[in-house]
Protein backbone atom coordinates (compact mmCIF):
# COMPACT_ATOMS: atom_id res chain seq x y z
CA MET A 1 0.05 0.02 -0.04
CA LEU A 2 1.30 3.31 -1.01
CA PHE A 3 -0.04 6.87 -0.57
CA SER A 4 -0.47 6.97 -4.36
CA HIS A 5 -3.17 4.20 -4.07
CA ILE A 6 -5.51 6.52 -1.92
CA PRO A 7 -7.59 8.68 -4.04
CA GLY A 8 -7.83 12.38 -3.00
CA GLN A 9 -7.32 13.15 0.60
CA ASN A 10 -4.65 15.70 -0.36
CA GLN A 11 -4.96 17.72 2.90
CA SER A 12 -4.28 14.75 4.98
CA LYS A 13 -1.44 13.56 2.68
CA SER A 14 0.21 17.01 2.88
CA TYR A 15 0.09 17.22 6.65
CA LEU A 16 1.72 13.66 7.02
CA GLU A 17 4.29 14.74 4.39
CA LYS A 18 5.23 17.91 6.48
CA LEU A 19 5.64 15.80 9.54
CA VAL A 20 7.97 13.12 7.75
CA GLN A 21 10.12 15.90 6.07
CA ALA A 22 10.53 17.67 9.22
CA ASP A 23 11.26 14.51 11.17
CA ARG A 24 8.46 15.28 13.55
CA VAL A 25 6.33 12.13 13.19
CA PRO A 26 4.76 11.58 16.63
CA HIS A 27 5.74 8.48 18.52
CA ALA A 28 2.17 7.86 19.15
CA MET A 29 -0.71 8.90 16.83
CA LEU A 30 -4.39 8.11 16.64
CA LEU A 31 -5.95 8.10 13.20
CA THR A 32 -9.59 8.66 13.56
CA GLY A 33 -12.67 9.87 11.55
CA PRO A 34 -15.80 8.33 9.90
CA LYS A 35 -15.90 4.77 8.58
CA GLY A 36 -14.64 4.44 4.97
CA ASN A 37 -12.08 7.31 5.11
CA ALA A 38 -9.10 5.09 4.47
CA LYS A 39 -7.44 5.16 7.99
CA LEU A 40 -6.01 1.79 7.58
CA MET A 41 -4.67 2.63 4.16
CA PHE A 42 -3.03 5.75 5.53
CA ALA A 43 -1.38 3.74 8.38
CA LEU A 44 -0.19 1.08 5.88
CA ALA A 45 1.20 3.67 3.47
CA LEU A 46 2.76 5.60 6.07
CA SER A 47 4.60 2.57 7.47
CA VAL A 48 6.04 1.82 3.89
CA SER A 49 7.32 5.55 3.59
CA LEU A 50 8.85 5.53 6.93
CA MET A 51 10.77 2.31 6.22
CA CYS A 52 12.01 3.15 2.79
CA GLN A 53 15.77 3.78 2.81
CA GLU A 54 15.81 5.78 -0.51
CA GLU A 55 13.01 8.36 -0.53
CA GLU A 56 12.24 11.39 1.74
CA GLY A 57 8.69 12.54 2.59
CA LEU A 58 5.76 10.24 1.70
CA GLY A 59 7.46 8.87 -1.39
CA SER A 60 8.71 5.17 -1.62
CA CYS A 61 11.15 3.64 -4.05
CA GLY A 62 9.25 0.47 -4.03
CA THR A 63 12.39 -1.56 -4.80
CA CYS A 64 14.63 -1.45 -1.63
CA THR A 65 14.38 -4.49 0.71
CA ASP A 66 12.48 -2.54 3.27
CA CYS A 67 10.00 -1.36 0.79
CA ILE A 68 9.31 -4.86 -0.64
CA LYS A 69 8.85 -6.37 2.83
CA ALA A 70 6.74 -3.60 3.93
CA LYS A 71 4.43 -3.72 0.93
CA LYS A 72 4.00 -7.52 1.51
CA TYR A 73 3.28 -6.91 5.16
CA ILE A 74 5.98 -9.30 6.24
CA HIS A 75 8.64 -6.56 7.57
CA PRO A 76 9.97 -7.74 10.94
CA ASP A 77 9.89 -4.34 12.39
CA ILE A 78 6.23 -3.57 11.49
CA HIS A 79 3.75 -5.16 13.85
CA PHE A 80 0.08 -5.50 13.72
CA SER A 81 -2.55 -5.92 16.32
CA PHE A 82 -6.30 -6.18 15.67
CA PRO A 83 -9.58 -7.67 17.28
CA VAL A 84 -9.66 -11.41 17.17
CA CYS A 85 -11.94 -14.21 18.45
CA SER A 86 -11.30 -17.54 20.04
CA ILE A 87 -10.22 -20.39 17.84
CA GLU A 88 -10.46 -24.10 18.27
CA GLY A 89 -7.86 -25.68 20.42
CA LYS A 90 -7.02 -22.34 22.14
CA LYS A 91 -8.24 -20.62 25.19
CA ARG A 92 -9.48 -17.09 24.42
CA ASP A 93 -7.05 -15.52 26.71
CA GLU A 94 -4.30 -17.21 24.76
CA THR A 95 -5.55 -16.07 21.30
CA THR A 96 -3.91 -13.16 19.88
CA SER A 97 -3.31 -11.43 16.36
CA THR A 98 -0.43 -13.84 15.81
CA GLN A 99 -2.75 -16.85 15.06
CA PHE A 100 -4.56 -14.76 12.45
CA LEU A 101 -1.55 -13.10 10.63
CA GLY A 102 -2.06 -15.06 7.45
CA GLN A 103 -5.77 -14.09 7.42
CA TRP A 104 -4.93 -10.46 8.19
CA ARG A 105 -2.36 -10.31 5.28
CA SER A 106 -4.84 -11.62 2.82
CA PHE A 107 -7.42 -9.16 4.24
CA ILE A 108 -5.28 -5.96 3.91
CA GLN A 109 -3.90 -7.11 0.48
CA SER A 110 -7.55 -7.55 -0.95
CA THR A 111 -9.57 -5.14 1.20
CA PRO A 112 -7.36 -2.37 2.69
CA TRP A 113 -10.48 -0.15 2.86
CA GLY A 114 -12.44 -2.79 4.78
CA GLY A 115 -14.21 -2.46 8.01
CA LEU A 116 -14.95 -4.50 11.00
CA GLU A 117 -17.94 -6.09 9.20
CA ASN A 118 -15.54 -6.98 6.33
CA TRP A 119 -13.02 -8.56 8.77
CA LEU A 120 -15.57 -10.61 10.45
CA MET A 121 -16.87 -11.94 7.15
CA HIS A 122 -13.07 -12.61 6.07
CA ILE A 123 -12.50 -14.75 9.01
CA LYS A 124 -15.84 -16.41 9.00
CA SER A 125 -16.72 -15.32 12.53
CA ALA A 126 -19.86 -13.21 12.29
CA ASN A 127 -21.28 -14.66 15.40
CA LYS A 128 -18.26 -14.38 17.48
CA THR A 129 -17.21 -11.68 20.09
CA LEU A 130 -13.98 -9.89 19.12
CA ASN A 131 -11.62 -7.95 21.22
CA ILE A 132 -7.82 -7.19 21.93
CA ASN A 133 -7.02 -8.97 25.12
CA VAL A 134 -4.28 -8.51 27.84
CA THR A 135 -2.08 -11.36 26.21
CA GLU A 136 -2.07 -9.11 23.00
CA CYS A 137 -1.11 -6.07 24.97
CA ASN A 138 1.56 -7.83 26.67
CA GLN A 139 2.90 -9.05 23.25
CA ILE A 140 2.84 -5.39 21.96
CA ILE A 141 4.99 -4.26 24.88
CA LYS A 142 7.39 -7.19 24.27
CA ASN A 143 7.59 -6.49 20.61
CA LEU A 144 8.39 -2.88 21.06
CA SER A 145 11.04 -3.45 23.80
CA LEU A 146 13.18 -5.41 21.41
CA ARG A 147 15.90 -3.85 19.23
CA LYS A 148 15.13 -3.21 15.62
CA TYR A 149 15.78 -6.05 13.23
CA GLU A 150 16.67 -4.16 10.11
CA GLY A 151 14.35 -1.07 9.57
CA ARG A 152 14.66 2.56 10.44
CA TYR A 153 11.96 2.29 13.04
CA LYS A 154 9.82 -0.16 15.08
CA ILE A 155 6.15 0.49 14.12
CA GLN A 156 3.16 -0.98 15.80
CA ILE A 157 -0.28 -0.59 14.16
CA ILE A 158 -3.38 -1.24 16.25
CA TRP A 159 -6.55 -1.58 14.10
CA GLN A 160 -9.92 -0.96 15.48
CA SER A 161 -8.41 0.18 18.79
CA GLU A 162 -11.57 0.75 20.46
CA PHE A 163 -11.51 -3.08 21.18
CA LEU A 164 -8.65 -2.47 23.74
CA GLY A 165 -11.20 -1.45 26.27
CA LYS A 166 -9.79 -1.22 29.77
CA GLU A 167 -6.67 -3.18 28.58
CA GLY A 168 -5.45 -0.08 26.93
CA ASN A 169 -4.18 1.00 30.51
CA ARG A 170 -1.34 -1.56 30.06
CA LEU A 171 0.09 0.39 27.12
CA LEU A 172 -0.03 3.80 28.74
CA LYS A 173 3.77 3.78 29.91
CA LEU A 174 4.78 2.48 26.31
CA ILE A 175 2.78 5.16 24.61
CA GLU A 176 4.08 7.92 26.92
CA GLU A 177 7.73 6.84 26.98
CA PRO A 178 8.31 4.68 23.99
CA THR A 179 11.71 3.05 23.28
CA PRO A 180 13.92 4.88 20.60
CA ASP A 181 12.74 4.78 17.11
CA THR A 182 9.37 3.58 17.94
CA ILE A 183 6.06 4.79 16.26
CA ILE A 184 2.70 3.52 17.45
CA ILE A 185 -0.36 4.01 15.16
CA LEU A 186 -3.75 3.52 16.71
CA ILE A 187 -6.57 3.46 14.33
CA ALA A 188 -10.36 3.94 15.45
CA ASP A 189 -13.78 4.78 14.04
CA LYS A 190 -15.07 5.69 17.36
CA GLN A 191 -12.60 7.89 19.30
CA ASP A 192 -14.97 8.19 22.30
CA MET A 193 -14.70 4.41 23.01
CA ILE A 194 -11.01 4.66 23.73
CA LEU A 195 -9.81 5.50 27.23
CA ASN A 196 -8.97 9.21 27.79
CA THR A 197 -5.76 8.17 29.36
CA VAL A 198 -4.76 6.63 26.02
CA ILE A 199 -6.06 9.41 23.78
CA SER A 200 -4.32 12.14 25.90
CA ARG A 201 -1.03 10.43 25.17
CA CYS A 202 -1.47 10.40 21.33
CA GLN A 203 -1.52 13.00 18.62
CA ILE A 204 -5.02 12.92 17.13
CA ILE A 205 -5.04 13.03 13.27
CA LYS A 206 -8.62 13.20 11.96
CA ILE A 207 -9.01 11.87 8.37
CA PRO A 208 -12.07 13.47 6.77
CA PRO A 209 -14.46 11.56 4.40
CA PHE A 210 -13.55 11.35 0.68
CA SER A 211 -14.76 14.09 -1.67
CA ASP A 212 -17.32 12.98 -4.30
CA ASP A 213 -14.70 13.82 -6.96
CA ALA A 214 -12.12 11.45 -5.26
CA ILE A 215 -14.54 8.74 -5.18
CA GLN A 216 -15.59 9.26 -8.79
CA THR A 217 -11.98 9.23 -10.07
CA PHE A 218 -11.55 5.95 -8.16
CA LEU A 219 -14.73 4.30 -9.40
CA GLN A 220 -14.04 5.30 -13.04
CA GLU A 221 -10.47 3.80 -12.82
CA LYS A 222 -11.52 0.66 -11.10
CA TYR A 223 -14.94 0.01 -12.53
CA SER A 224 -14.93 1.48 -16.02
CA GLY A 225 -18.32 -0.20 -16.92
CA LEU A 226 -20.22 1.00 -13.86
CA SER A 227 -23.53 2.43 -15.18
CA SER A 228 -24.83 3.87 -11.90
CA ILE A 229 -21.67 5.82 -10.92
CA GLU A 230 -23.63 9.03 -9.93
CA GLU A 231 -26.01 7.09 -7.76
CA THR A 232 -23.12 5.09 -6.16
CA ILE A 233 -21.31 8.28 -5.36
CA ARG A 234 -24.46 9.90 -3.77
CA LEU A 235 -25.14 6.97 -1.56
CA ALA A 236 -21.51 6.45 -0.41
CA SER A 237 -21.52 10.16 1.10
CA GLY A 238 -17.63 10.18 1.33
CA ASP A 239 -17.44 6.48 2.37
CA LEU A 240 -14.94 4.64 0.04
CA ARG A 241 -15.70 1.32 1.59
CA LEU A 242 -19.49 1.72 0.79
CA ALA A 243 -18.88 3.04 -2.70
CA ILE A 244 -16.68 -0.10 -3.50
CA GLU A 245 -19.31 -2.44 -1.95
CA LEU A 246 -22.20 -0.82 -3.85
CA ALA A 247 -20.19 -0.81 -7.13
CA GLU A 248 -19.32 -4.53 -6.64
CA GLY A 249 -22.92 -5.24 -5.87
CA ASP A 250 -23.81 -4.37 -9.49
CA GLN A 251 -26.80 -2.05 -8.38
CA LYS A 252 -30.41 -2.57 -9.73
CA SER A 253 -33.06 0.07 -9.75
CA TRP A 254 -33.30 -0.05 -5.97
CA ASP A 255 -35.78 2.85 -5.82
CA GLN A 256 -38.29 0.81 -7.70
CA VAL A 257 -37.58 -1.99 -5.40
CA LEU A 258 -38.25 0.04 -2.40
CA LEU A 259 -41.27 1.77 -3.85
CA GLN A 260 -42.60 -1.71 -4.61
CA LEU A 261 -42.08 -2.89 -1.00
CA LEU A 262 -43.86 0.34 0.42
CA ARG A 263 -46.82 0.00 -1.94
CA CYS A 264 -47.57 -3.80 -1.33
CA THR A 265 -47.16 -3.37 2.47
CA TYR A 266 -49.13 -0.23 2.59
CA SER A 267 -52.03 -1.94 0.63
CA GLY A 268 -51.64 -5.11 2.70
CA LYS A 269 -51.62 -7.35 -0.39
CA PHE A 270 -49.81 -10.48 0.89
CA SER A 271 -49.40 -12.12 -2.46
CA GLU A 272 -47.41 -9.23 -3.80
CA MET A 273 -45.55 -9.03 -0.46
CA PHE A 274 -44.43 -12.62 -0.80
CA GLU A 275 -43.59 -12.29 -4.47
CA LEU A 276 -41.15 -9.57 -3.51
CA VAL A 277 -39.75 -11.76 -0.56
CA ALA A 278 -38.95 -14.46 -3.18
CA GLU A 279 -37.32 -11.80 -5.41
CA LEU A 280 -35.14 -10.37 -2.56
CA THR A 281 -34.27 -13.89 -1.33
CA SER A 282 -32.90 -14.78 -4.90
CA LEU A 283 -30.39 -12.00 -4.74
CA GLY A 284 -26.80 -12.47 -3.97
CA LYS A 285 -25.44 -11.23 -0.54
CA ASP A 286 -23.76 -8.17 -2.16
CA GLU A 287 -27.00 -7.18 -3.87
CA ILE A 288 -29.06 -7.54 -0.67
CA GLN A 289 -26.59 -5.49 1.32
CA ALA A 290 -26.74 -2.88 -1.50
CA PHE A 291 -30.56 -2.66 -1.20
CA CYS A 292 -30.32 -2.28 2.59
CA PHE A 293 -27.85 0.56 2.22
CA TYR A 294 -29.95 2.18 -0.51
CA THR A 295 -33.00 2.18 1.68
CA ILE A 296 -31.21 3.43 4.80
CA HIS A 297 -29.73 6.27 2.63
CA PHE A 298 -32.89 7.15 0.85
CA LEU A 299 -35.04 7.30 4.04
CA LYS A 300 -32.34 9.41 5.93
CA GLU A 301 -32.39 11.98 3.12
CA TYR A 302 -36.36 11.78 3.09
CA MET A 303 -36.36 12.56 6.77
CA LYS A 304 -34.18 15.48 6.22
CA ALA A 305 -36.45 16.83 3.32
CA TYR A 306 -39.60 16.25 5.58
CA TYR A 307 -38.28 18.18 8.53
CA THR A 308 -36.83 21.18 6.47
CA GLY A 309 -39.71 21.21 3.97
CA SER A 310 -37.10 21.48 1.12
CA PHE A 311 -35.25 19.27 -1.08
CA ASP A 312 -32.21 21.72 -1.34
CA ASN A 313 -29.09 19.90 -0.37
CA ILE A 314 -30.78 16.50 -0.31
CA ARG A 315 -28.61 13.71 -1.82
CA LEU A 316 -31.48 12.18 -4.12
CA ALA A 317 -31.77 12.03 -7.85
CA ASP A 318 -34.91 13.97 -9.47
CA LYS A 319 -36.77 10.74 -9.78
CA GLU A 320 -36.27 9.87 -6.20
CA ARG A 321 -37.17 13.30 -5.11
CA GLN A 322 -40.56 12.80 -6.96
CA THR A 323 -41.01 9.47 -5.10
CA ALA A 324 -40.31 11.15 -1.81
CA SER A 325 -42.57 14.04 -2.54
CA ARG A 326 -45.41 11.53 -3.01
CA MET A 327 -44.66 9.73 0.18
CA MET A 328 -44.98 12.84 2.39
CA ASN A 329 -48.74 12.29 2.98
CA VAL A 330 -48.31 8.67 3.88
CA ILE A 331 -44.96 8.28 5.82
CA ASP A 332 -43.98 10.44 8.63
CA PRO A 333 -40.42 10.64 9.97
CA GLU A 334 -41.15 8.29 12.88
CA MET A 335 -42.30 5.62 10.36
CA ALA A 336 -39.32 6.30 8.22
CA LEU A 337 -37.04 5.85 11.23
CA GLN A 338 -38.57 2.61 12.21
CA ILE A 339 -38.17 1.27 8.64
CA THR A 340 -34.53 2.45 8.63
CA GLN A 341 -33.86 0.65 11.80
CA LEU A 342 -35.35 -2.68 10.31
CA MET A 343 -32.94 -2.46 7.48
CA GLU A 344 -29.98 -1.80 9.90
CA ARG A 345 -31.12 -4.87 11.75
CA ASN A 346 -31.35 -6.88 8.50
CA LEU A 347 -27.71 -5.97 7.59
CA VAL A 348 -26.51 -7.34 10.84
CA GLU A 349 -28.73 -10.54 10.57
CA LEU A 350 -27.75 -11.25 7.05
CA GLN A 351 -24.09 -10.79 7.83
CA ARG A 352 -24.53 -13.51 10.59
CA ASN A 353 -25.99 -15.74 7.84
CA ALA A 354 -29.54 -15.62 9.07
CA ASN A 355 -32.07 -17.27 6.68
CA SER A 356 -32.81 -14.57 3.99
CA LYS A 357 -36.46 -15.78 3.44
CA ILE A 358 -37.31 -15.46 7.23
CA VAL A 359 -35.67 -12.16 7.47
CA TRP A 360 -37.51 -10.55 4.62
CA SER A 361 -40.85 -12.29 5.45
CA ALA A 362 -40.55 -10.70 8.91
CA THR A 363 -39.58 -7.38 7.55
CA MET A 364 -42.54 -7.36 5.17
CA MET A 365 -44.93 -8.03 8.05
CA GLU A 366 -43.27 -5.33 10.40
CA VAL A 367 -43.37 -2.63 7.53
CA GLU A 368 -47.07 -3.50 7.09
CA GLN A 369 -47.67 -3.03 10.76
CA ILE A 370 -45.71 0.40 10.73
CA LEU A 371 -47.72 1.69 7.71
CA LYS A 372 -50.91 0.38 9.18
CA GLN A 373 -50.68 2.69 12.08
CA LYS A 374 -50.87 5.70 9.69
CA LYS A 375 -53.92 4.27 7.87
CA ILE A 376 -55.84 3.62 11.10
CA ALA A 377 -55.01 7.12 12.37
CA ARG A 378 -56.30 8.54 9.05
CA ASN A 379 -59.48 6.63 9.17
CA ILE A 380 -60.19 7.69 12.79
CA ALA A 381 -59.60 11.32 11.77
């Protein structure tokens, strides 16, 4: 992973380059910001740049021994820690990132923009609890107490550092007074879930969401045949991970599917509802996720328009705005919120390999009950 692989984000790149050129890279930093903003990609690219023996700044020659090993994620002075779960034959308190290094390397080579959900699917552990345990923390301390093997620095990357929990206290002395030439990079989506004692010892670097232009450039280069690029950019809202998942899901006309769902549940036509259940059940996992993401996005934008009374600055296409306008007399924000929560629940259940037919059958019944509240209220009035 190199900085040239990260689209846009020029301000963050420029800031890091100044730190590297001035030899002022903090010994402990926390990369944070919204999901899908390439925090992990930044950490991986920075580790390559720092190890390169030939280039200055954020550049990397790509050919020296350190570069080659760093890009393959096998450099002996770059260490990784991340949330893991129990594995067969090991007690949970004995399980550390070491047992998952092979899977981790394949994950960051294929999905460096991936989030926690992608990692769970990669290790096929959607129903297991993840954390970074005390044994892992002790291993981090041990790794960074040793002398460098061959690189310019010893680098420790802690991905999803929210999962440290109270065990983060074990790293306080190391973070505050690291051994020479040590750099610790914590990565977190939710800064408020990290102990304040840990945060206060790190330099916080907030990575913003991607611009629409950056996502458009990335998608055009990677998915030249993508027909729904404008819709994908709009739905992603600066989240590169989501943009990629939507693009790879080969989006259908999800607005029509959503409209069909709302119509048949509002009318209470069970035959049409279960025809739609069969259609949704036949879709692949990526397509199902894309539909859920689309519905969540549409309803959130719909609620903004409902409350403000205007479609200005609403991320919906003209056709979608016409649909949303017609919905105003039928679906209020509370109902839209309830349906949004159903879709968020569906994402979790489907990632846990729940039976798709059962999930969507239940969803139809629940949406029908939500919409029936409005019909009853109108009839009483």
